[in-house]
Amino acid sequence: EGYYKIDKKDKLKYLNNSRAFAEEPPADTQVRT
């Protein structure tokens, strides 16, 4: 479909979802700092 613009609202929603998913530690692993 070529290049098309994504609305800022959709982009922020996608980034927030992906960031929250990345920050969530797995349930069966221990959190390491």
PDB file of all heavy atoms in Angstrom:
ATOM      1  N   GLU A   1       0.806  -1.210   0.000  1.00  0.00           N
ATOM      2  CA  GLU A   1       0.000   0.000   0.000  1.00  0.00           C
ATOM      3  C   GLU A   1       0.843   1.266   0.000  1.00  0.00           C
ATOM      4  O   GLU A   1       0.299   2.368   0.020  1.00  0.00           O
ATOM      5  CB  GLU A   1      -0.931   0.002   1.214  1.00  0.00           C
ATOM      6  CG  GLU A   1      -1.931  -1.141   1.179  1.00  0.00           C
ATOM      7  CD  GLU A   1      -2.950  -1.059   2.290  1.00  0.00           C
ATOM      8  OE1 GLU A   1      -2.977  -0.010   2.973  1.00  0.00           O
ATOM      9  OE2 GLU A   1      -3.713  -2.009   2.468  1.00  0.00           O
ATOM     10  N   GLY A   2       2.131   1.146   0.001  1.00  0.00           N
ATOM     11  CA  GLY A   2       2.980   2.320  -0.069  1.00  0.00           C
ATOM     12  C   GLY A   2       3.039   3.082   1.247  1.00  0.00           C
ATOM     13  O   GLY A   2       2.655   2.584   2.307  1.00  0.00           O
ATOM     14  N   TYR A   3       3.515   4.308   1.140  1.00  0.00           N
ATOM     15  CA  TYR A   3       3.690   5.142   2.336  1.00  0.00           C
ATOM     16  C   TYR A   3       2.384   5.829   2.694  1.00  0.00           C
ATOM     17  O   TYR A   3       1.695   6.367   1.830  1.00  0.00           O
ATOM     18  CB  TYR A   3       4.780   6.189   2.084  1.00  0.00           C
ATOM     19  CG  TYR A   3       4.903   7.230   3.176  1.00  0.00           C
ATOM     20  CD1 TYR A   3       5.569   6.947   4.362  1.00  0.00           C
ATOM     21  CD2 TYR A   3       4.332   8.482   3.008  1.00  0.00           C
ATOM     22  CE1 TYR A   3       5.683   7.893   5.363  1.00  0.00           C
ATOM     23  CE2 TYR A   3       4.435   9.442   4.003  1.00  0.00           C
ATOM     24  CZ  TYR A   3       5.110   9.140   5.185  1.00  0.00           C
ATOM     25  OH  TYR A   3       5.206  10.074   6.173  1.00  0.00           O
ATOM     26  N   TYR A   4       2.051   5.831   3.937  1.00  0.00           N
ATOM     27  CA  TYR A   4       0.899   6.582   4.419  1.00  0.00           C
ATOM     28  C   TYR A   4       1.187   7.042   5.848  1.00  0.00           C
ATOM     29  O   TYR A   4       1.955   6.420   6.570  1.00  0.00           O
ATOM     30  CB  TYR A   4      -0.373   5.741   4.369  1.00  0.00           C
ATOM     31  CG  TYR A   4      -0.293   4.439   5.135  1.00  0.00           C
ATOM     32  CD1 TYR A   4      -0.615   4.392   6.484  1.00  0.00           C
ATOM     33  CD2 TYR A   4       0.087   3.266   4.498  1.00  0.00           C
ATOM     34  CE1 TYR A   4      -0.535   3.217   7.189  1.00  0.00           C
ATOM     35  CE2 TYR A   4       0.164   2.085   5.190  1.00  0.00           C
ATOM     36  CZ  TYR A   4      -0.148   2.055   6.545  1.00  0.00           C
ATOM     37  OH  TYR A   4      -0.063   0.889   7.243  1.00  0.00           O
ATOM     38  N   LYS A   5       0.561   8.115   6.215  1.00  0.00           N
ATOM     39  CA  LYS A   5       0.775   8.686   7.540  1.00  0.00           C
ATOM     40  C   LYS A   5      -0.127   8.011   8.555  1.00  0.00           C
ATOM     41  O   LYS A   5      -1.247   7.606   8.256  1.00  0.00           O
ATOM     42  CB  LYS A   5       0.505  10.184   7.527  1.00  0.00           C
ATOM     43  CG  LYS A   5       1.505  10.981   6.692  1.00  0.00           C
ATOM     44  CD  LYS A   5       1.298  12.470   6.850  1.00  0.00           C
ATOM     45  CE  LYS A   5       1.638  12.923   8.250  1.00  0.00           C
ATOM     46  NZ  LYS A   5       1.567  14.398   8.412  1.00  0.00           N
ATOM     47  N   ILE A   6       0.396   7.917   9.761  1.00  0.00           N
ATOM     48  CA  ILE A   6      -0.371   7.374  10.874  1.00  0.00           C
ATOM     49  C   ILE A   6      -0.710   8.524  11.810  1.00  0.00           C
ATOM     50  O   ILE A   6       0.140   9.378  12.093  1.00  0.00           O
ATOM     51  CB  ILE A   6       0.433   6.282  11.612  1.00  0.00           C
ATOM     52  CG1 ILE A   6       0.815   5.159  10.641  1.00  0.00           C
ATOM     53  CG2 ILE A   6      -0.342   5.721  12.792  1.00  0.00           C
ATOM     54  CD1 ILE A   6       1.689   4.100  11.266  1.00  0.00           C
ATOM     55  N   ASP A   7      -1.939   8.553  12.260  1.00  0.00           N
ATOM     56  CA  ASP A   7      -2.351   9.595  13.192  1.00  0.00           C
ATOM     57  C   ASP A   7      -1.516   9.533  14.471  1.00  0.00           C
ATOM     58  O   ASP A   7      -1.086   8.455  14.906  1.00  0.00           O
ATOM     59  CB  ASP A   7      -3.830   9.440  13.537  1.00  0.00           C
ATOM     60  CG  ASP A   7      -4.707   9.670  12.325  1.00  0.00           C
ATOM     61  OD1 ASP A   7      -4.232  10.317  11.362  1.00  0.00           O
ATOM     62  OD2 ASP A   7      -5.847   9.188  12.343  1.00  0.00           O
ATOM     63  N   LYS A   8      -1.304  10.705  15.059  1.00  0.00           N
ATOM     64  CA  LYS A   8      -0.506  10.761  16.284  1.00  0.00           C
ATOM     65  C   LYS A   8      -1.170   9.986  17.410  1.00  0.00           C
ATOM     66  O   LYS A   8      -0.505   9.366  18.237  1.00  0.00           O
ATOM     67  CB  LYS A   8      -0.283  12.214  16.694  1.00  0.00           C
ATOM     68  CG  LYS A   8       0.645  12.978  15.760  1.00  0.00           C
ATOM     69  CD  LYS A   8       0.913  14.375  16.283  1.00  0.00           C
ATOM     70  CE  LYS A   8       1.893  15.105  15.355  1.00  0.00           C
ATOM     71  NZ  LYS A   8       2.173  16.483  15.855  1.00  0.00           N
ATOM     72  N   LYS A   9      -2.487  10.023  17.448  1.00  0.00           N
ATOM     73  CA  LYS A   9      -3.188   9.288  18.500  1.00  0.00           C
ATOM     74  C   LYS A   9      -2.938   7.793  18.367  1.00  0.00           C
ATOM     75  O   LYS A   9      -2.673   7.088  19.354  1.00  0.00           O
ATOM     76  CB  LYS A   9      -4.676   9.579  18.431  1.00  0.00           C
ATOM     77  CG  LYS A   9      -5.038  11.026  18.775  1.00  0.00           C
ATOM     78  CD  LYS A   9      -6.541  11.222  18.712  1.00  0.00           C
ATOM     79  CE  LYS A   9      -6.912  12.657  19.069  1.00  0.00           C
ATOM     80  NZ  LYS A   9      -8.378  12.871  19.009  1.00  0.00           N
ATOM     81  N   ASP A  10      -3.033   7.284  17.122  1.00  0.00           N
ATOM     82  CA  ASP A  10      -2.781   5.866  16.916  1.00  0.00           C
ATOM     83  C   ASP A  10      -1.337   5.495  17.216  1.00  0.00           C
ATOM     84  O   ASP A  10      -1.051   4.422  17.776  1.00  0.00           O
ATOM     85  CB  ASP A  10      -3.124   5.477  15.478  1.00  0.00           C
ATOM     86  CG  ASP A  10      -4.597   5.682  15.175  1.00  0.00           C
ATOM     87  OD1 ASP A  10      -5.391   5.706  16.137  1.00  0.00           O
ATOM     88  OD2 ASP A  10      -4.941   5.825  13.984  1.00  0.00           O
ATOM     89  N   LYS A  11      -0.421   6.401  16.830  1.00  0.00           N
ATOM     90  CA  LYS A  11       0.995   6.124  17.062  1.00  0.00           C
ATOM     91  C   LYS A  11       1.304   6.086  18.559  1.00  0.00           C
ATOM     92  O   LYS A  11       2.006   5.196  19.057  1.00  0.00           O
ATOM     93  CB  LYS A  11       1.852   7.181  16.375  1.00  0.00           C
ATOM     94  CG  LYS A  11       3.339   6.873  16.409  1.00  0.00           C
ATOM     95  CD  LYS A  11       4.146   7.973  15.762  1.00  0.00           C
ATOM     96  CE  LYS A  11       3.866   8.074  14.282  1.00  0.00           C
ATOM     97  NZ  LYS A  11       4.757   9.071  13.632  1.00  0.00           N
ATOM     98  N   LEU A  12       0.764   7.060  19.318  1.00  0.00           N
ATOM     99  CA  LEU A  12       1.004   7.084  20.756  1.00  0.00           C
ATOM    100  C   LEU A  12       0.385   5.864  21.432  1.00  0.00           C
ATOM    101  O   LEU A  12       0.962   5.302  22.357  1.00  0.00           O
ATOM    102  CB  LEU A  12       0.428   8.367  21.356  1.00  0.00           C
ATOM    103  CG  LEU A  12       1.203   9.659  21.044  1.00  0.00           C
ATOM    104  CD1 LEU A  12       0.446  10.867  21.574  1.00  0.00           C
ATOM    105  CD2 LEU A  12       2.599   9.605  21.632  1.00  0.00           C
ATOM    106  N   LYS A  13      -0.801   5.481  20.935  1.00  0.00           N
ATOM    107  CA  LYS A  13      -1.431   4.311  21.525  1.00  0.00           C
ATOM    108  C   LYS A  13      -0.607   3.055  21.297  1.00  0.00           C
ATOM    109  O   LYS A  13      -0.442   2.217  22.190  1.00  0.00           O
ATOM    110  CB  LYS A  13      -2.827   4.141  20.924  1.00  0.00           C
ATOM    111  CG  LYS A  13      -3.652   3.050  21.580  1.00  0.00           C
ATOM    112  CD  LYS A  13      -5.045   3.019  21.002  1.00  0.00           C
ATOM    113  CE  LYS A  13      -5.877   1.927  21.675  1.00  0.00           C
ATOM    114  NZ  LYS A  13      -7.247   1.861  21.122  1.00  0.00           N
ATOM    115  N   TYR A  14      -0.066   2.940  20.092  1.00  0.00           N
ATOM    116  CA  TYR A  14       0.773   1.778  19.783  1.00  0.00           C
ATOM    117  C   TYR A  14       2.055   1.792  20.613  1.00  0.00           C
ATOM    118  O   TYR A  14       2.489   0.768  21.152  1.00  0.00           O
ATOM    119  CB  TYR A  14       1.093   1.750  18.294  1.00  0.00           C
ATOM    120  CG  TYR A  14       2.118   0.718  17.919  1.00  0.00           C
ATOM    121  CD1 TYR A  14       1.788  -0.634  17.857  1.00  0.00           C
ATOM    122  CD2 TYR A  14       3.429   1.087  17.634  1.00  0.00           C
ATOM    123  CE1 TYR A  14       2.725  -1.583  17.527  1.00  0.00           C
ATOM    124  CE2 TYR A  14       4.379   0.148  17.302  1.00  0.00           C
ATOM    125  CZ  TYR A  14       4.022  -1.187  17.251  1.00  0.00           C
ATOM    126  OH  TYR A  14       4.952  -2.126  16.926  1.00  0.00           O
ATOM    127  N   LEU A  15       2.704   2.973  20.725  1.00  0.00           N
ATOM    128  CA  LEU A  15       3.954   3.065  21.487  1.00  0.00           C
ATOM    129  C   LEU A  15       3.726   2.765  22.953  1.00  0.00           C
ATOM    130  O   LEU A  15       4.525   2.083  23.596  1.00  0.00           O
ATOM    131  CB  LEU A  15       4.570   4.454  21.304  1.00  0.00           C
ATOM    132  CG  LEU A  15       5.117   4.778  19.913  1.00  0.00           C
ATOM    133  CD1 LEU A  15       5.600   6.213  19.844  1.00  0.00           C
ATOM    134  CD2 LEU A  15       6.250   3.833  19.545  1.00  0.00           C
ATOM    135  N   ASN A  16       2.631   3.295  23.509  1.00  0.00           N
ATOM    136  CA  ASN A  16       2.346   3.039  24.918  1.00  0.00           C
ATOM    137  C   ASN A  16       2.089   1.574  25.175  1.00  0.00           C
ATOM    138  O   ASN A  16       2.547   0.998  26.169  1.00  0.00           O
ATOM    139  CB  ASN A  16       1.142   3.872  25.361  1.00  0.00           C
ATOM    140  CG  ASN A  16       1.467   5.365  25.393  1.00  0.00           C
ATOM    141  OD1 ASN A  16       2.604   5.739  25.595  1.00  0.00           O
ATOM    142  ND2 ASN A  16       0.450   6.196  25.199  1.00  0.00           N
ATOM    143  N   ASN A  17       1.365   0.915  24.265  1.00  0.00           N
ATOM    144  CA  ASN A  17       1.090  -0.510  24.438  1.00  0.00           C
ATOM    145  C   ASN A  17       2.373  -1.340  24.360  1.00  0.00           C
ATOM    146  O   ASN A  17       2.588  -2.261  25.146  1.00  0.00           O
ATOM    147  CB  ASN A  17       0.090  -0.993  23.383  1.00  0.00           C
ATOM    148  CG  ASN A  17      -1.297  -0.417  23.606  1.00  0.00           C
ATOM    149  OD1 ASN A  17      -1.632  -0.030  24.725  1.00  0.00           O
ATOM    150  ND2 ASN A  17      -2.103  -0.352  22.543  1.00  0.00           N
ATOM    151  N   SER A  18       3.221  -1.014  23.369  1.00  0.00           N
ATOM    152  CA  SER A  18       4.463  -1.777  23.215  1.00  0.00           C
ATOM    153  C   SER A  18       5.412  -1.527  24.378  1.00  0.00           C
ATOM    154  O   SER A  18       6.110  -2.430  24.841  1.00  0.00           O
ATOM    155  CB  SER A  18       5.140  -1.413  21.893  1.00  0.00           C
ATOM    156  OG  SER A  18       5.477  -0.041  21.869  1.00  0.00           O
ATOM    157  N   ARG A  19       5.459  -0.271  24.902  1.00  0.00           N
ATOM    158  CA  ARG A  19       6.346   0.040  26.021  1.00  0.00           C
ATOM    159  C   ARG A  19       5.873  -0.660  27.290  1.00  0.00           C
ATOM    160  O   ARG A  19       6.669  -1.185  28.065  1.00  0.00           O
ATOM    161  CB  ARG A  19       6.398   1.555  26.233  1.00  0.00           C
ATOM    162  CG  ARG A  19       7.466   1.988  27.227  1.00  0.00           C
ATOM    163  CD  ARG A  19       7.522   3.489  27.364  1.00  0.00           C
ATOM    164  NE  ARG A  19       7.909   4.116  26.113  1.00  0.00           N
ATOM    165  CZ  ARG A  19       7.163   5.001  25.465  1.00  0.00           C
ATOM    166  NH1 ARG A  19       5.988   5.351  25.941  1.00  0.00           N
ATOM    167  NH2 ARG A  19       7.591   5.541  24.336  1.00  0.00           N
ATOM    168  N   ALA A  20       4.564  -0.669  27.489  1.00  0.00           N
ATOM    169  CA  ALA A  20       4.036  -1.355  28.670  1.00  0.00           C
ATOM    170  C   ALA A  20       4.295  -2.850  28.592  1.00  0.00           C
ATOM    171  O   ALA A  20       4.605  -3.512  29.588  1.00  0.00           O
ATOM    172  CB  ALA A  20       2.539  -1.077  28.811  1.00  0.00           C
ATOM    173  N   PHE A  21       4.212  -3.401  27.383  1.00  0.00           N
ATOM    174  CA  PHE A  21       4.480  -4.832  27.221  1.00  0.00           C
ATOM    175  C   PHE A  21       5.945  -5.159  27.470  1.00  0.00           C
ATOM    176  O   PHE A  21       6.289  -6.192  28.037  1.00  0.00           O
ATOM    177  CB  PHE A  21       4.063  -5.270  25.819  1.00  0.00           C
ATOM    178  CG  PHE A  21       4.340  -6.725  25.542  1.00  0.00           C
ATOM    179  CD1 PHE A  21       3.510  -7.710  26.060  1.00  0.00           C
ATOM    180  CD2 PHE A  21       5.434  -7.105  24.770  1.00  0.00           C
ATOM    181  CE1 PHE A  21       3.761  -9.053  25.814  1.00  0.00           C
ATOM    182  CE2 PHE A  21       5.695  -8.426  24.522  1.00  0.00           C
ATOM    183  CZ  PHE A  21       4.851  -9.412  25.043  1.00  0.00           C
ATOM    184  N   ALA A  22       6.811  -4.237  27.033  1.00  0.00           N
ATOM    185  CA  ALA A  22       8.249  -4.488  27.225  1.00  0.00           C
ATOM    186  C   ALA A  22       8.655  -4.349  28.677  1.00  0.00           C
ATOM    187  O   ALA A  22       9.569  -5.020  29.152  1.00  0.00           O
ATOM    188  CB  ALA A  22       9.061  -3.522  26.356  1.00  0.00           C
ATOM    189  N   GLU A  23       7.994  -3.459  29.422  1.00  0.00           N
ATOM    190  CA  GLU A  23       8.385  -3.229  30.808  1.00  0.00           C
ATOM    191  C   GLU A  23       7.831  -4.291  31.743  1.00  0.00           C
ATOM    192  O   GLU A  23       8.272  -4.432  32.867  1.00  0.00           O
ATOM    193  CB  GLU A  23       7.898  -1.848  31.261  1.00  0.00           C
ATOM    194  CG  GLU A  23       8.672  -0.707  30.603  1.00  0.00           C
ATOM    195  CD  GLU A  23       8.135   0.648  31.022  1.00  0.00           C
ATOM    196  OE1 GLU A  23       7.110   0.677  31.752  1.00  0.00           O
ATOM    197  OE2 GLU A  23       8.736   1.665  30.635  1.00  0.00           O
ATOM    198  N   GLU A  24       6.816  -5.034  31.324  1.00  0.00           N
ATOM    199  CA  GLU A  24       6.251  -6.060  32.181  1.00  0.00           C
ATOM    200  C   GLU A  24       7.198  -7.249  32.253  1.00  0.00           C
ATOM    201  O   GLU A  24       7.532  -7.848  31.230  1.00  0.00           O
ATOM    202  CB  GLU A  24       4.891  -6.514  31.641  1.00  0.00           C
ATOM    203  CG  GLU A  24       3.795  -5.498  31.848  1.00  0.00           C
ATOM    204  CD  GLU A  24       2.460  -6.039  31.372  1.00  0.00           C
ATOM    205  OE1 GLU A  24       2.456  -7.203  30.911  1.00  0.00           O
ATOM    206  OE2 GLU A  24       1.461  -5.318  31.461  1.00  0.00           O
ATOM    207  N   PRO A  25       7.688  -7.607  33.424  1.00  0.00           N
ATOM    208  CA  PRO A  25       8.563  -8.771  33.523  1.00  0.00           C
ATOM    209  C   PRO A  25       7.772 -10.052  33.415  1.00  0.00           C
ATOM    210  O   PRO A  25       6.585 -10.094  33.755  1.00  0.00           O
ATOM    211  CB  PRO A  25       9.182  -8.625  34.912  1.00  0.00           C
ATOM    212  CG  PRO A  25       8.163  -7.870  35.689  1.00  0.00           C
ATOM    213  CD  PRO A  25       7.477  -6.953  34.700  1.00  0.00           C
ATOM    214  N   PRO A  26       8.363 -11.107  32.906  1.00  0.00           N
ATOM    215  CA  PRO A  26       7.668 -12.389  32.847  1.00  0.00           C
ATOM    216  C   PRO A  26       7.281 -12.862  34.235  1.00  0.00           C
ATOM    217  O   PRO A  26       7.951 -12.555  35.224  1.00  0.00           O
ATOM    218  CB  PRO A  26       8.682 -13.326  32.177  1.00  0.00           C
ATOM    219  CG  PRO A  26       9.629 -12.411  31.482  1.00  0.00           C
ATOM    220  CD  PRO A  26       9.668 -11.163  32.280  1.00  0.00           C
ATOM    221  N   ALA A  27       6.192 -13.601  34.290  1.00  0.00           N
ATOM    222  CA  ALA A  27       5.693 -14.027  35.594  1.00  0.00           C
ATOM    223  C   ALA A  27       6.595 -15.048  36.243  1.00  0.00           C
ATOM    224  O   ALA A  27       6.704 -15.112  37.465  1.00  0.00           O
ATOM    225  CB  ALA A  27       4.270 -14.598  35.426  1.00  0.00           C
ATOM    226  N   ASP A  28       7.265 -15.889  35.442  1.00  0.00           N
ATOM    227  CA  ASP A  28       8.066 -16.963  35.998  1.00  0.00           C
ATOM    228  C   ASP A  28       9.527 -16.603  36.158  1.00  0.00           C
ATOM    229  O   ASP A  28      10.347 -17.451  36.461  1.00  0.00           O
ATOM    230  CB  ASP A  28       7.942 -18.215  35.118  1.00  0.00           C
ATOM    231  CG  ASP A  28       8.356 -17.918  33.690  1.00  0.00           C
ATOM    232  OD1 ASP A  28       8.416 -16.727  33.352  1.00  0.00           O
ATOM    233  OD2 ASP A  28       8.598 -18.887  32.929  1.00  0.00           O
ATOM    234  N   THR A  29       9.892 -15.362  35.898  1.00  0.00           N
ATOM    235  CA  THR A  29      11.288 -14.943  36.033  1.00  0.00           C
ATOM    236  C   THR A  29      11.403 -13.911  37.135  1.00  0.00           C
ATOM    237  O   THR A  29      10.433 -13.230  37.485  1.00  0.00           O
ATOM    238  CB  THR A  29      11.817 -14.346  34.723  1.00  0.00           C
ATOM    239  OG1 THR A  29      10.980 -13.255  34.351  1.00  0.00           O
ATOM    240  CG2 THR A  29      11.818 -15.394  33.625  1.00  0.00           C
ATOM    241  N   GLN A  30      12.622 -13.762  37.634  1.00  0.00           N
ATOM    242  CA  GLN A  30      12.884 -12.821  38.714  1.00  0.00           C
ATOM    243  C   GLN A  30      13.299 -11.484  38.137  1.00  0.00           C
ATOM    244  O   GLN A  30      14.030 -11.416  37.151  1.00  0.00           O
ATOM    245  CB  GLN A  30      14.002 -13.384  39.607  1.00  0.00           C
ATOM    246  CG  GLN A  30      14.080 -12.718  40.959  1.00  0.00           C
ATOM    247  CD  GLN A  30      15.110 -13.412  41.824  1.00  0.00           C
ATOM    248  OE1 GLN A  30      15.962 -14.120  41.303  1.00  0.00           O
ATOM    249  NE2 GLN A  30      15.033 -13.210  43.117  1.00  0.00           N
ATOM    250  N   VAL A  31      12.852 -10.399  38.730  1.00  0.00           N
ATOM    251  CA  VAL A  31      13.188  -9.061  38.249  1.00  0.00           C
ATOM    252  C   VAL A  31      14.637  -8.760  38.597  1.00  0.00           C
ATOM    253  O   VAL A  31      15.053  -8.878  39.749  1.00  0.00           O
ATOM    254  CB  VAL A  31      12.248  -8.007  38.874  1.00  0.00           C
ATOM    255  CG1 VAL A  31      12.631  -6.619  38.401  1.00  0.00           C
ATOM    256  CG2 VAL A  31      10.807  -8.321  38.523  1.00  0.00           C
ATOM    257  N   ARG A  32      15.424  -8.348  37.586  1.00  0.00           N
ATOM    258  CA  ARG A  32      16.836  -8.032  37.780  1.00  0.00           C
ATOM    259  C   ARG A  32      17.061  -6.569  37.469  1.00  0.00           C
ATOM    260  O   ARG A  32      16.599  -6.058  36.453  1.00  0.00           O
ATOM    261  CB  ARG A  32      17.715  -8.897  36.878  1.00  0.00           C
ATOM    262  CG  ARG A  32      17.596 -10.389  37.154  1.00  0.00           C
ATOM    263  CD  ARG A  32      18.492 -11.175  36.222  1.00  0.00           C
ATOM    264  NE  ARG A  32      18.368 -12.602  36.469  1.00  0.00           N
ATOM    265  CZ  ARG A  32      19.031 -13.526  35.751  1.00  0.00           C
ATOM    266  NH1 ARG A  32      19.821 -13.165  34.769  1.00  0.00           N
ATOM    267  NH2 ARG A  32      18.880 -14.809  36.045  1.00  0.00           N
ATOM    268  N   THR A  33      17.824  -5.930  38.321  1.00  0.00           N
ATOM    269  CA  THR A  33      18.172  -4.514  38.118  1.00  0.00           C
ATOM    270  C   THR A  33      19.615  -4.443  37.670  1.00  0.00           C
ATOM    271  O   THR A  33      20.497  -5.066  38.274  1.00  0.00           O
ATOM    272  CB  THR A  33      17.986  -3.723  39.417  1.00  0.00           C
ATOM    273  OG1 THR A  33      18.780  -4.312  40.443  1.00  0.00           O
ATOM    274  CG2 THR A  33      16.509  -3.733  39.834  1.00  0.00           C
TER     275      THR A  33
END
